[in-house]
Amino acid sequence: MNNELVECFKLLKCYKYKLTKQQYKTLKGQIIANDINGFRKGLFTILKRKYV
């Protein structure tokens, strides 16, 4: 695995308890599929809707 994937998994782990089970699985799948931009956009969209 490259560094970017490791960083994404660390970021996902930090926010794991703020996400539903389905959101977590979806974002994890995006990382595994190497869709880093989609993962970041999705995570920050979820967090923005939930906490703003």
N, C-alpha and C. Protein backbone atom coordinates (compact mmCIF):
# COMPACT_ATOMS: atom_id res chain seq x y z
N MET A 1 0.85 -1.20 0.00
CA MET A 1 0.00 0.00 0.00
C MET A 1 0.88 1.24 0.00
N ASN A 2 0.41 2.25 -0.69
CA ASN A 2 1.19 3.48 -0.69
C ASN A 2 0.78 4.38 0.48
N ASN A 3 1.55 5.43 0.66
CA ASN A 3 1.34 6.33 1.80
C ASN A 3 -0.02 6.99 1.80
N GLU A 4 -0.51 7.33 0.63
CA GLU A 4 -1.79 8.04 0.54
C GLU A 4 -2.94 7.17 1.06
N LEU A 5 -2.91 5.89 0.73
CA LEU A 5 -3.94 4.98 1.23
C LEU A 5 -3.87 4.83 2.74
N VAL A 6 -2.67 4.74 3.26
CA VAL A 6 -2.49 4.61 4.71
C VAL A 6 -3.04 5.84 5.42
N GLU A 7 -2.77 7.01 4.87
CA GLU A 7 -3.27 8.26 5.46
C GLU A 7 -4.79 8.29 5.43
N CYS A 8 -5.39 7.81 4.34
CA CYS A 8 -6.85 7.79 4.24
C CYS A 8 -7.45 6.84 5.26
N PHE A 9 -6.83 5.68 5.45
CA PHE A 9 -7.34 4.74 6.46
C PHE A 9 -7.23 5.33 7.86
N LYS A 10 -6.16 6.07 8.13
CA LYS A 10 -6.01 6.72 9.43
C LYS A 10 -7.10 7.78 9.63
N LEU A 11 -7.37 8.54 8.58
CA LEU A 11 -8.41 9.57 8.65
C LEU A 11 -9.78 8.94 8.87
N LEU A 12 -10.04 7.86 8.17
CA LEU A 12 -11.32 7.15 8.34
C LEU A 12 -11.46 6.61 9.76
N LYS A 13 -10.38 6.11 10.30
CA LYS A 13 -10.39 5.56 11.66
C LYS A 13 -10.70 6.66 12.68
N CYS A 14 -10.19 7.85 12.45
CA CYS A 14 -10.45 8.97 13.37
C CYS A 14 -11.93 9.31 13.44
N TYR A 15 -12.62 9.21 12.32
CA TYR A 15 -14.03 9.62 12.26
C TYR A 15 -14.99 8.44 12.30
N LYS A 16 -14.50 7.25 12.57
CA LYS A 16 -15.31 6.04 12.54
C LYS A 16 -16.56 6.15 13.40
N TYR A 17 -16.44 6.70 14.59
CA TYR A 17 -17.57 6.72 15.51
C TYR A 17 -18.55 7.86 15.23
N LYS A 18 -18.24 8.71 14.27
CA LYS A 18 -19.16 9.77 13.87
C LYS A 18 -19.97 9.37 12.64
N LEU A 19 -19.67 8.19 12.08
CA LEU A 19 -20.32 7.72 10.87
C LEU A 19 -21.25 6.56 11.17
N THR A 20 -22.26 6.39 10.31
CA THR A 20 -23.08 5.19 10.42
C THR A 20 -22.28 4.01 9.85
N LYS A 21 -22.78 2.81 10.12
CA LYS A 21 -22.08 1.62 9.63
C LYS A 21 -22.02 1.61 8.11
N GLN A 22 -23.11 2.02 7.45
CA GLN A 22 -23.14 2.03 5.99
C GLN A 22 -22.19 3.07 5.41
N GLN A 23 -22.15 4.26 6.03
CA GLN A 23 -21.23 5.30 5.55
C GLN A 23 -19.79 4.83 5.69
N TYR A 24 -19.48 4.18 6.82
CA TYR A 24 -18.13 3.68 7.05
C TYR A 24 -17.74 2.66 5.98
N LYS A 25 -18.64 1.73 5.69
CA LYS A 25 -18.35 0.69 4.70
C LYS A 25 -18.17 1.29 3.31
N THR A 26 -19.00 2.27 2.98
CA THR A 26 -18.91 2.91 1.67
C THR A 26 -17.58 3.63 1.50
N LEU A 27 -17.19 4.40 2.51
CA LEU A 27 -15.93 5.14 2.43
C LEU A 27 -14.73 4.21 2.40
N LYS A 28 -14.80 3.14 3.18
CA LYS A 28 -13.73 2.15 3.18
C LYS A 28 -13.60 1.51 1.79
N GLY A 29 -14.73 1.22 1.17
CA GLY A 29 -14.72 0.66 -0.17
C GLY A 29 -14.11 1.59 -1.19
N GLN A 30 -14.35 2.89 -1.02
CA GLN A 30 -13.75 3.86 -1.93
C GLN A 30 -12.24 3.88 -1.79
N ILE A 31 -11.74 3.76 -0.57
CA ILE A 31 -10.29 3.74 -0.38
C ILE A 31 -9.71 2.49 -1.03
N ILE A 32 -10.33 1.35 -0.80
CA ILE A 32 -9.84 0.10 -1.36
C ILE A 32 -9.85 0.13 -2.89
N ALA A 33 -10.87 0.79 -3.46
CA ALA A 33 -10.97 0.91 -4.92
C ALA A 33 -10.06 2.00 -5.48
N ASN A 34 -9.28 2.62 -4.59
CA ASN A 34 -8.31 3.66 -4.97
C ASN A 34 -8.99 4.94 -5.46
N ASP A 35 -10.18 5.22 -4.96
CA ASP A 35 -10.91 6.45 -5.30
C ASP A 35 -10.69 7.45 -4.15
N ILE A 36 -9.48 7.98 -4.09
CA ILE A 36 -9.10 8.83 -2.97
C ILE A 36 -9.87 10.14 -2.98
N ASN A 37 -10.03 10.74 -4.16
CA ASN A 37 -10.78 12.00 -4.24
C ASN A 37 -12.23 11.82 -3.83
N GLY A 38 -12.84 10.73 -4.25
CA GLY A 38 -14.21 10.43 -3.87
C GLY A 38 -14.34 10.21 -2.38
N PHE A 39 -13.36 9.53 -1.78
CA PHE A 39 -13.37 9.30 -0.34
C PHE A 39 -13.32 10.62 0.42
N ARG A 40 -12.38 11.46 0.07
CA ARG A 40 -12.23 12.74 0.79
C ARG A 40 -13.47 13.61 0.63
N LYS A 41 -13.97 13.71 -0.59
CA LYS A 41 -15.15 14.53 -0.84
C LYS A 41 -16.35 13.99 -0.06
N GLY A 42 -16.53 12.69 -0.09
CA GLY A 42 -17.64 12.07 0.63
C GLY A 42 -17.55 12.26 2.13
N LEU A 43 -16.37 12.03 2.69
CA LEU A 43 -16.19 12.17 4.14
C LEU A 43 -16.47 13.60 4.58
N PHE A 44 -15.89 14.57 3.89
CA PHE A 44 -16.06 15.95 4.32
C PHE A 44 -17.48 16.45 4.08
N THR A 45 -18.16 15.91 3.06
CA THR A 45 -19.56 16.26 2.84
C THR A 45 -20.42 15.74 3.99
N ILE A 46 -20.18 14.50 4.39
CA ILE A 46 -20.94 13.91 5.50
C ILE A 46 -20.71 14.71 6.78
N LEU A 47 -19.47 15.03 7.06
CA LEU A 47 -19.16 15.75 8.29
C LEU A 47 -19.72 17.16 8.27
N LYS A 48 -19.69 17.80 7.10
CA LYS A 48 -20.21 19.16 6.99
C LYS A 48 -21.72 19.18 7.21
N ARG A 49 -22.42 18.21 6.66
CA ARG A 49 -23.88 18.15 6.83
C ARG A 49 -24.25 17.84 8.27
N LYS A 50 -23.45 17.02 8.92
CA LYS A 50 -23.78 16.55 10.25
C LYS A 50 -23.45 17.58 11.34
N TYR A 51 -22.39 18.34 11.14
CA TYR A 51 -21.88 19.19 12.22
C TYR A 51 -21.90 20.68 11.94
N VAL A 52 -22.59 21.09 10.85
CA VAL A 52 -22.68 22.54 10.58
C VAL A 52 -24.12 22.95 10.53
